[in-house]
Amino acid sequence: MYRFHPSVKWKGGYPNRKEIVGEIERLWKRYGLDEKTKFDTRVERVYKDEQGRWIINDPSQGRFDGVIAAIGTCGDPKTPHVPGLDNFKGPVYHSSKLDGVNAEGKKVLIIGGGASAIEALEFVHHEKAEKAYILARSEKYAVPSTLFHLMTDMTTDGSFLATP
């Protein structure tokens, strides 16, 4: 996952935020993109000119061969509002804040089904959680084959029980 350049080699199956951002910064500097990058620009319009080149807002910003929507998946953690969560007595962690968390012998609910949820599943497996539940809208396509044995009971709502 997150394979975007041939020189990038991750330490493990799923890189953490620090590794991803570090590799992006390394490549950004390697290719001199710091001189070609403009931050904090409000994008109000993206369109093509007659030659098929992209224009951002207006032609004074330049014309481009391609556009990459970098919407900040490695940005600040965002936790969704879950009604009744204030009444929950146990700890709640964002998937980006799992370093140092002890999950051994605990029952864990993972909410979500993207790469972060799968990384959290891998984490609770290695931490020897008693049980892990994933609550997701749909079946997952990115579960590493090393974790298939954890998925023992797929339910009709798309959630599944994982037993480490």
N, C-alpha and C. Protein backbone atom coordinates (compact mmCIF):
# COMPACT_ATOMS: atom_id res chain seq x y z
N MET A 1 0.84 -1.17 0.00
CA MET A 1 0.00 0.00 0.00
C MET A 1 0.90 1.24 0.00
N TYR A 2 0.39 2.34 -0.42
CA TYR A 2 1.14 3.60 -0.47
C TYR A 2 2.40 3.49 -1.31
N ARG A 3 2.37 2.72 -2.37
CA ARG A 3 3.53 2.60 -3.25
C ARG A 3 3.42 3.69 -4.29
N PHE A 4 4.29 4.69 -4.21
CA PHE A 4 4.19 5.78 -5.16
C PHE A 4 5.51 6.11 -5.82
N HIS A 5 6.59 5.41 -5.49
CA HIS A 5 7.87 5.65 -6.13
C HIS A 5 8.73 4.40 -5.96
N PRO A 6 9.47 4.00 -7.00
CA PRO A 6 10.26 2.76 -6.91
C PRO A 6 11.32 2.77 -5.81
N SER A 7 11.81 3.93 -5.39
CA SER A 7 12.85 3.96 -4.37
C SER A 7 12.30 3.82 -2.96
N VAL A 8 10.99 3.87 -2.80
CA VAL A 8 10.39 3.79 -1.47
C VAL A 8 10.31 2.34 -1.03
N LYS A 9 10.91 2.06 0.10
CA LYS A 9 10.86 0.72 0.71
C LYS A 9 10.39 0.89 2.15
N TRP A 10 9.23 0.34 2.47
CA TRP A 10 8.68 0.47 3.82
C TRP A 10 9.31 -0.55 4.76
N LYS A 11 9.36 -0.22 6.03
CA LYS A 11 9.93 -1.12 7.04
C LYS A 11 9.02 -2.32 7.29
N GLY A 12 7.71 -2.12 7.15
CA GLY A 12 6.76 -3.19 7.40
C GLY A 12 5.66 -3.17 6.37
N GLY A 13 4.62 -3.97 6.60
CA GLY A 13 3.53 -4.07 5.64
C GLY A 13 2.72 -2.79 5.50
N TYR A 14 2.55 -2.05 6.60
CA TYR A 14 1.79 -0.81 6.58
C TYR A 14 2.62 0.29 7.22
N PRO A 15 3.05 1.26 6.44
CA PRO A 15 3.83 2.36 7.01
C PRO A 15 2.96 3.24 7.89
N ASN A 16 3.57 3.84 8.91
CA ASN A 16 2.81 4.77 9.73
C ASN A 16 2.88 6.17 9.12
N ARG A 17 2.18 7.10 9.70
CA ARG A 17 2.10 8.47 9.18
C ARG A 17 3.48 9.08 9.05
N LYS A 18 4.33 8.90 10.06
CA LYS A 18 5.66 9.49 10.06
C LYS A 18 6.50 8.98 8.88
N GLU A 19 6.42 7.67 8.61
CA GLU A 19 7.16 7.10 7.47
C GLU A 19 6.64 7.65 6.14
N ILE A 20 5.32 7.71 5.99
CA ILE A 20 4.73 8.19 4.74
C ILE A 20 5.13 9.64 4.49
N VAL A 21 4.95 10.49 5.49
CA VAL A 21 5.29 11.91 5.33
C VAL A 21 6.79 12.06 5.08
N GLY A 22 7.61 11.28 5.77
CA GLY A 22 9.06 11.34 5.56
C GLY A 22 9.46 11.02 4.14
N GLU A 23 8.87 9.99 3.55
CA GLU A 23 9.17 9.62 2.17
C GLU A 23 8.67 10.68 1.19
N ILE A 24 7.50 11.23 1.46
CA ILE A 24 6.98 12.30 0.59
C ILE A 24 7.93 13.49 0.62
N GLU A 25 8.36 13.88 1.81
CA GLU A 25 9.28 15.03 1.93
C GLU A 25 10.61 14.75 1.24
N ARG A 26 11.13 13.53 1.39
CA ARG A 26 12.40 13.17 0.76
C ARG A 26 12.30 13.28 -0.76
N LEU A 27 11.23 12.75 -1.33
CA LEU A 27 11.05 12.81 -2.78
C LEU A 27 10.76 14.23 -3.25
N TRP A 28 10.01 14.96 -2.46
CA TRP A 28 9.69 16.35 -2.77
C TRP A 28 10.97 17.17 -2.92
N LYS A 29 11.91 16.97 -1.98
CA LYS A 29 13.20 17.68 -2.04
C LYS A 29 14.08 17.13 -3.16
N ARG A 30 14.10 15.81 -3.32
CA ARG A 30 14.95 15.17 -4.34
C ARG A 30 14.67 15.71 -5.74
N TYR A 31 13.40 15.95 -6.03
CA TYR A 31 13.01 16.40 -7.37
C TYR A 31 12.82 17.91 -7.47
N GLY A 32 13.24 18.65 -6.44
CA GLY A 32 13.16 20.10 -6.48
C GLY A 32 11.74 20.64 -6.52
N LEU A 33 10.82 19.90 -5.95
CA LEU A 33 9.42 20.33 -6.00
C LEU A 33 9.13 21.49 -5.06
N ASP A 34 10.04 21.74 -4.10
CA ASP A 34 9.83 22.86 -3.19
C ASP A 34 9.77 24.18 -3.94
N GLU A 35 10.51 24.28 -5.04
CA GLU A 35 10.50 25.50 -5.85
C GLU A 35 9.26 25.60 -6.74
N LYS A 36 8.57 24.48 -6.92
CA LYS A 36 7.42 24.43 -7.82
C LYS A 36 6.09 24.26 -7.09
N THR A 37 6.14 24.29 -5.76
CA THR A 37 4.94 24.02 -4.97
C THR A 37 4.41 25.31 -4.36
N LYS A 38 3.11 25.48 -4.45
CA LYS A 38 2.47 26.64 -3.84
C LYS A 38 1.43 26.14 -2.85
N PHE A 39 1.62 26.50 -1.59
CA PHE A 39 0.70 26.07 -0.53
C PHE A 39 -0.35 27.13 -0.25
N ASP A 40 -1.33 26.74 0.53
CA ASP A 40 -2.38 27.64 1.02
C ASP A 40 -3.05 28.42 -0.11
N THR A 41 -3.38 27.72 -1.17
CA THR A 41 -4.08 28.34 -2.29
C THR A 41 -5.50 27.79 -2.34
N ARG A 42 -6.45 28.65 -2.24
CA ARG A 42 -7.85 28.23 -2.33
C ARG A 42 -8.15 27.86 -3.78
N VAL A 43 -8.67 26.66 -3.99
CA VAL A 43 -9.03 26.21 -5.33
C VAL A 43 -10.53 26.39 -5.49
N GLU A 44 -10.89 27.26 -6.40
CA GLU A 44 -12.31 27.54 -6.65
C GLU A 44 -12.78 26.99 -7.99
N ARG A 45 -11.82 26.73 -8.88
CA ARG A 45 -12.18 26.25 -10.21
C ARG A 45 -11.01 25.50 -10.82
N VAL A 46 -11.27 24.34 -11.42
CA VAL A 46 -10.27 23.57 -12.15
C VAL A 46 -10.88 23.22 -13.49
N TYR A 47 -10.17 23.60 -14.57
CA TYR A 47 -10.72 23.33 -15.90
C TYR A 47 -9.58 23.22 -16.91
N LYS A 48 -9.93 22.72 -18.10
CA LYS A 48 -8.94 22.57 -19.16
C LYS A 48 -9.07 23.71 -20.17
N ASP A 49 -7.91 24.11 -20.71
CA ASP A 49 -7.93 25.09 -21.79
C ASP A 49 -8.12 24.38 -23.13
N GLU A 50 -8.04 25.12 -24.24
CA GLU A 50 -8.27 24.55 -25.57
C GLU A 50 -7.23 23.49 -25.94
N GLN A 51 -6.04 23.57 -25.36
CA GLN A 51 -4.97 22.59 -25.65
C GLN A 51 -5.00 21.40 -24.69
N GLY A 52 -5.97 21.36 -23.80
CA GLY A 52 -6.08 20.24 -22.86
C GLY A 52 -5.21 20.39 -21.62
N ARG A 53 -4.64 21.57 -21.38
CA ARG A 53 -3.84 21.82 -20.18
C ARG A 53 -4.77 22.29 -19.07
N TRP A 54 -4.45 21.91 -17.85
CA TRP A 54 -5.28 22.25 -16.70
C TRP A 54 -4.98 23.66 -16.21
N ILE A 55 -6.03 24.35 -15.82
CA ILE A 55 -5.92 25.69 -15.23
C ILE A 55 -6.58 25.63 -13.85
N ILE A 56 -5.87 26.18 -12.86
CA ILE A 56 -6.40 26.25 -11.50
C ILE A 56 -6.82 27.69 -11.25
N ASN A 57 -8.08 27.90 -11.01
CA ASN A 57 -8.70 29.22 -10.76
C ASN A 57 -8.68 30.09 -12.01
N ASP A 58 -7.48 30.54 -12.44
CA ASP A 58 -7.38 31.36 -13.65
C ASP A 58 -6.00 31.16 -14.27
N PRO A 59 -5.82 31.53 -15.52
CA PRO A 59 -4.54 31.27 -16.22
C PRO A 59 -3.31 31.92 -15.57
N SER A 60 -3.48 32.92 -14.72
CA SER A 60 -2.32 33.57 -14.09
C SER A 60 -1.58 32.61 -13.15
N GLN A 61 -2.23 31.54 -12.71
CA GLN A 61 -1.59 30.55 -11.84
C GLN A 61 -0.71 29.58 -12.63
N GLY A 62 -0.85 29.56 -13.94
CA GLY A 62 -0.10 28.65 -14.78
C GLY A 62 -1.01 27.64 -15.45
N ARG A 63 -0.41 26.83 -16.33
CA ARG A 63 -1.13 25.75 -17.02
C ARG A 63 -0.39 24.46 -16.74
N PHE A 64 -1.14 23.38 -16.51
CA PHE A 64 -0.54 22.15 -16.00
C PHE A 64 -0.94 20.94 -16.83
N ASP A 65 -0.04 19.97 -16.90
CA ASP A 65 -0.32 18.72 -17.61
C ASP A 65 -1.21 17.78 -16.79
N GLY A 66 -1.17 17.92 -15.49
CA GLY A 66 -1.96 17.05 -14.63
C GLY A 66 -2.31 17.74 -13.33
N VAL A 67 -3.25 17.17 -12.62
CA VAL A 67 -3.68 17.69 -11.33
C VAL A 67 -3.72 16.52 -10.36
N ILE A 68 -3.16 16.73 -9.18
CA ILE A 68 -3.20 15.72 -8.12
C ILE A 68 -4.01 16.30 -6.97
N ALA A 69 -5.07 15.62 -6.59
CA ALA A 69 -5.87 16.06 -5.44
C ALA A 69 -5.24 15.47 -4.19
N ALA A 70 -4.47 16.26 -3.47
CA ALA A 70 -3.82 15.83 -2.24
C ALA A 70 -4.62 16.42 -1.08
N ILE A 71 -5.59 15.65 -0.63
CA ILE A 71 -6.58 16.18 0.30
C ILE A 71 -6.23 16.00 1.76
N GLY A 72 -5.03 15.51 2.04
CA GLY A 72 -4.57 15.51 3.42
C GLY A 72 -4.88 14.28 4.23
N THR A 73 -4.79 13.09 3.67
CA THR A 73 -5.07 11.89 4.45
C THR A 73 -4.02 11.66 5.53
N CYS A 74 -2.89 12.34 5.45
CA CYS A 74 -1.89 12.24 6.51
C CYS A 74 -1.93 13.49 7.39
N GLY A 75 -3.03 14.18 7.39
CA GLY A 75 -3.16 15.39 8.19
C GLY A 75 -3.59 15.08 9.61
N ASP A 76 -4.16 16.06 10.27
CA ASP A 76 -4.61 15.90 11.64
C ASP A 76 -5.71 14.86 11.72
N PRO A 77 -5.68 14.02 12.77
CA PRO A 77 -6.71 12.99 12.92
C PRO A 77 -8.09 13.61 13.09
N LYS A 78 -9.07 12.99 12.47
CA LYS A 78 -10.45 13.44 12.59
C LYS A 78 -11.27 12.28 13.15
N THR A 79 -11.94 12.53 14.25
CA THR A 79 -12.75 11.51 14.88
C THR A 79 -14.21 11.82 14.63
N PRO A 80 -14.96 10.87 14.07
CA PRO A 80 -16.37 11.14 13.78
C PRO A 80 -17.19 11.23 15.07
N HIS A 81 -18.30 11.94 14.99
CA HIS A 81 -19.22 12.03 16.13
C HIS A 81 -20.00 10.72 16.20
N VAL A 82 -19.96 10.08 17.34
CA VAL A 82 -20.70 8.84 17.56
C VAL A 82 -21.66 9.10 18.72
N PRO A 83 -22.97 9.12 18.45
CA PRO A 83 -23.93 9.38 19.53
C PRO A 83 -23.75 8.39 20.69
N GLY A 84 -23.72 8.91 21.91
CA GLY A 84 -23.60 8.07 23.09
C GLY A 84 -22.18 7.75 23.49
N LEU A 85 -21.20 8.18 22.71
CA LEU A 85 -19.80 7.86 23.02
C LEU A 85 -19.39 8.43 24.38
N ASP A 86 -19.98 9.56 24.79
CA ASP A 86 -19.63 10.15 26.09
C ASP A 86 -19.98 9.22 27.24
N ASN A 87 -20.93 8.30 27.02
CA ASN A 87 -21.33 7.36 28.06
C ASN A 87 -20.43 6.13 28.13
N PHE A 88 -19.58 5.94 27.12
CA PHE A 88 -18.69 4.78 27.09
C PHE A 88 -17.60 4.97 28.13
N LYS A 89 -17.38 3.96 28.97
CA LYS A 89 -16.43 4.08 30.08
C LYS A 89 -15.00 3.70 29.70
N GLY A 90 -14.81 3.02 28.59
CA GLY A 90 -13.47 2.59 28.20
C GLY A 90 -12.72 3.64 27.43
N PRO A 91 -11.45 3.39 27.16
CA PRO A 91 -10.65 4.34 26.38
C PRO A 91 -11.03 4.31 24.90
N VAL A 92 -10.89 5.46 24.24
CA VAL A 92 -11.15 5.58 22.81
C VAL A 92 -9.88 6.15 22.18
N TYR A 93 -9.39 5.49 21.12
CA TYR A 93 -8.16 5.92 20.46
C TYR A 93 -8.41 6.13 18.98
N HIS A 94 -7.81 7.14 18.43
CA HIS A 94 -7.78 7.31 16.97
C HIS A 94 -6.71 6.35 16.45
N SER A 95 -6.89 5.81 15.25
CA SER A 95 -5.95 4.83 14.71
C SER A 95 -4.53 5.39 14.58
N SER A 96 -4.38 6.70 14.49
CA SER A 96 -3.05 7.29 14.39
C SER A 96 -2.36 7.41 15.74
N LYS A 97 -3.06 7.08 16.81
CA LYS A 97 -2.51 7.24 18.17
C LYS A 97 -2.41 5.91 18.90
N LEU A 98 -2.08 4.84 18.20
CA LEU A 98 -2.04 3.52 18.82
C LEU A 98 -0.68 3.16 19.43
N ASP A 99 0.36 3.90 19.08
CA ASP A 99 1.68 3.60 19.64
C ASP A 99 1.61 3.64 21.17
N GLY A 100 2.08 2.57 21.80
CA GLY A 100 2.11 2.51 23.26
C GLY A 100 0.82 2.04 23.91
N VAL A 101 -0.24 1.82 23.12
CA VAL A 101 -1.51 1.35 23.67
C VAL A 101 -1.40 -0.14 23.95
N ASN A 102 -1.91 -0.57 25.09
CA ASN A 102 -1.90 -1.99 25.44
C ASN A 102 -3.28 -2.57 25.16
N ALA A 103 -3.36 -3.50 24.21
CA ALA A 103 -4.64 -4.12 23.85
C ALA A 103 -4.69 -5.59 24.30
N GLU A 104 -3.65 -6.06 24.95
CA GLU A 104 -3.59 -7.48 25.31
C GLU A 104 -4.77 -7.88 26.20
N GLY A 105 -5.46 -8.95 25.77
CA GLY A 105 -6.57 -9.50 26.53
C GLY A 105 -7.85 -8.67 26.49
N LYS A 106 -7.89 -7.63 25.69
CA LYS A 106 -9.05 -6.74 25.65
C LYS A 106 -9.93 -7.04 24.45
N LYS A 107 -11.20 -6.64 24.57
CA LYS A 107 -12.14 -6.70 23.46
C LYS A 107 -12.11 -5.33 22.81
N VAL A 108 -11.90 -5.29 21.50
CA VAL A 108 -11.68 -4.04 20.79
C VAL A 108 -12.69 -3.91 19.65
N LEU A 109 -13.27 -2.72 19.51
CA LEU A 109 -14.13 -2.41 18.37
C LEU A 109 -13.38 -1.42 17.48
N ILE A 110 -13.22 -1.77 16.22
CA ILE A 110 -12.59 -0.89 15.24
C ILE A 110 -13.70 -0.38 14.34
N ILE A 111 -13.86 0.94 14.30
CA ILE A 111 -14.91 1.54 13.48
C ILE A 111 -14.28 2.06 12.20
N GLY A 112 -14.75 1.56 11.06
CA GLY A 112 -14.21 1.96 9.76
C GLY A 112 -13.66 0.73 9.06
N GLY A 113 -13.35 0.90 7.78
CA GLY A 113 -12.91 -0.26 7.03
C GLY A 113 -11.82 0.03 6.03
N GLY A 114 -11.24 1.21 6.09
CA GLY A 114 -10.17 1.54 5.15
C GLY A 114 -8.82 1.05 5.65
N ALA A 115 -7.78 1.59 5.05
CA ALA A 115 -6.42 1.17 5.38
C ALA A 115 -6.10 1.39 6.85
N SER A 116 -6.59 2.48 7.45
CA SER A 116 -6.33 2.74 8.87
C SER A 116 -6.97 1.67 9.75
N ALA A 117 -8.18 1.25 9.39
CA ALA A 117 -8.85 0.21 10.16
C ALA A 117 -8.10 -1.12 10.06
N ILE A 118 -7.62 -1.43 8.87
CA ILE A 118 -6.88 -2.67 8.69
C ILE A 118 -5.56 -2.61 9.46
N GLU A 119 -4.93 -1.45 9.47
CA GLU A 119 -3.71 -1.26 10.27
C GLU A 119 -4.03 -1.45 11.76
N ALA A 120 -5.18 -0.94 12.21
CA ALA A 120 -5.58 -1.11 13.61
C ALA A 120 -5.85 -2.58 13.91
N LEU A 121 -6.44 -3.30 12.96
CA LEU A 121 -6.67 -4.74 13.13
C LEU A 121 -5.35 -5.47 13.27
N GLU A 122 -4.40 -5.13 12.43
CA GLU A 122 -3.07 -5.73 12.51
C GLU A 122 -2.44 -5.42 13.87
N PHE A 123 -2.62 -4.19 14.34
CA PHE A 123 -2.08 -3.78 15.63
C PHE A 123 -2.66 -4.61 16.77
N VAL A 124 -4.02 -4.71 16.84
CA VAL A 124 -4.62 -5.46 17.96
C VAL A 124 -4.28 -6.94 17.88
N HIS A 125 -4.07 -7.46 16.68
CA HIS A 125 -3.64 -8.85 16.55
C HIS A 125 -2.26 -9.04 17.17
N HIS A 126 -1.33 -8.16 16.83
CA HIS A 126 0.02 -8.26 17.38
C HIS A 126 0.05 -7.99 18.88
N GLU A 127 -0.90 -7.20 19.36
CA GLU A 127 -0.98 -6.89 20.79
C GLU A 127 -1.73 -7.98 21.57
N LYS A 128 -2.20 -9.00 20.87
CA LYS A 128 -2.89 -10.14 21.48
C LYS A 128 -4.20 -9.75 22.18
N ALA A 129 -5.00 -8.96 21.47
CA ALA A 129 -6.33 -8.63 21.99
C ALA A 129 -7.16 -9.92 22.08
N GLU A 130 -8.09 -9.96 23.03
CA GLU A 130 -8.94 -11.15 23.18
C GLU A 130 -9.84 -11.32 21.96
N LYS A 131 -10.49 -10.23 21.56
CA LYS A 131 -11.34 -10.23 20.38
C LYS A 131 -11.28 -8.85 19.75
N ALA A 132 -11.44 -8.80 18.44
CA ALA A 132 -11.51 -7.52 17.73
C ALA A 132 -12.72 -7.56 16.81
N TYR A 133 -13.53 -6.53 16.87
CA TYR A 133 -14.69 -6.40 16.00
C TYR A 133 -14.45 -5.23 15.07
N ILE A 134 -14.80 -5.38 13.81
CA ILE A 134 -14.73 -4.27 12.87
C ILE A 134 -16.15 -3.93 12.44
N LEU A 135 -16.51 -2.68 12.56
CA LEU A 135 -17.80 -2.20 12.11
C LEU A 135 -17.56 -1.33 10.89
N ALA A 136 -18.03 -1.81 9.73
CA ALA A 136 -17.77 -1.10 8.47
C ALA A 136 -19.01 -1.19 7.59
N ARG A 137 -19.10 -0.26 6.63
CA ARG A 137 -20.25 -0.25 5.73
C ARG A 137 -20.22 -1.34 4.68
N SER A 138 -19.03 -1.84 4.35
CA SER A 138 -18.94 -2.84 3.29
C SER A 138 -17.77 -3.78 3.56
N GLU A 139 -17.73 -4.87 2.79
CA GLU A 139 -16.62 -5.81 2.92
C GLU A 139 -15.33 -5.12 2.49
N LYS A 140 -14.24 -5.59 3.01
CA LYS A 140 -12.96 -4.95 2.74
C LYS A 140 -12.19 -5.69 1.64
N TYR A 141 -11.52 -4.92 0.83
CA TYR A 141 -10.73 -5.48 -0.25
C TYR A 141 -9.24 -5.42 0.04
N ALA A 142 -8.83 -4.66 1.06
CA ALA A 142 -7.40 -4.44 1.28
C ALA A 142 -6.85 -5.19 2.48
N VAL A 143 -7.54 -6.22 2.94
CA VAL A 143 -7.05 -6.96 4.09
C VAL A 143 -5.85 -7.80 3.65
N PRO A 144 -4.69 -7.62 4.30
CA PRO A 144 -3.52 -8.42 3.93
C PRO A 144 -3.79 -9.90 4.17
N SER A 145 -3.27 -10.75 3.32
CA SER A 145 -3.52 -12.19 3.44
C SER A 145 -3.06 -12.73 4.78
N THR A 146 -2.11 -12.09 5.43
CA THR A 146 -1.64 -12.54 6.74
C THR A 146 -2.70 -12.35 7.82
N LEU A 147 -3.76 -11.59 7.53
CA LEU A 147 -4.82 -11.36 8.52
C LEU A 147 -6.12 -12.08 8.18
N PHE A 148 -6.17 -12.79 7.05
CA PHE A 148 -7.39 -13.48 6.66
C PHE A 148 -7.89 -14.42 7.75
N HIS A 149 -6.97 -15.08 8.43
CA HIS A 149 -7.39 -16.05 9.45
C HIS A 149 -8.11 -15.38 10.63
N LEU A 150 -8.01 -14.06 10.75
CA LEU A 150 -8.68 -13.35 11.83
C LEU A 150 -10.17 -13.18 11.57
N MET A 151 -10.55 -13.19 10.30
CA MET A 151 -11.94 -12.91 9.96
C MET A 151 -12.73 -14.21 9.98
N THR A 152 -13.45 -14.42 11.09
CA THR A 152 -14.09 -15.71 11.26
C THR A 152 -15.60 -15.68 11.09
N ASP A 153 -16.21 -14.51 11.16
CA ASP A 153 -17.66 -14.47 11.14
C ASP A 153 -18.14 -13.19 10.45
N MET A 154 -18.28 -13.23 9.14
CA MET A 154 -18.76 -12.06 8.40
C MET A 154 -20.27 -11.93 8.61
N THR A 155 -20.74 -10.73 8.93
CA THR A 155 -22.16 -10.51 9.16
C THR A 155 -22.80 -9.85 7.95
N THR A 156 -24.11 -9.80 7.93
CA THR A 156 -24.81 -9.24 6.77
C THR A 156 -24.67 -7.74 6.66
N ASP A 157 -24.33 -7.05 7.76
CA ASP A 157 -24.20 -5.59 7.68
C ASP A 157 -22.80 -5.16 7.26
N GLY A 158 -21.93 -6.11 6.93
CA GLY A 158 -20.59 -5.77 6.47
C GLY A 158 -19.56 -5.75 7.57
N SER A 159 -19.99 -5.89 8.83
CA SER A 159 -19.02 -5.96 9.91
C SER A 159 -18.56 -7.40 10.03
N PHE A 160 -17.41 -7.61 10.64
CA PHE A 160 -17.00 -8.98 10.87
C PHE A 160 -16.28 -9.09 12.19
N LEU A 161 -16.34 -10.29 12.74
CA LEU A 161 -15.67 -10.58 14.00
C LEU A 161 -14.28 -11.09 13.67
N ALA A 162 -13.30 -10.51 14.30
CA ALA A 162 -11.93 -10.98 14.12
C ALA A 162 -11.46 -11.53 15.45
N THR A 163 -10.94 -12.73 15.44
CA THR A 163 -10.46 -13.32 16.69
C THR A 163 -8.98 -13.64 16.57
N PRO A 164 -8.14 -12.85 17.24
CA PRO A 164 -6.70 -13.11 17.18
C PRO A 164 -6.36 -14.41 17.85
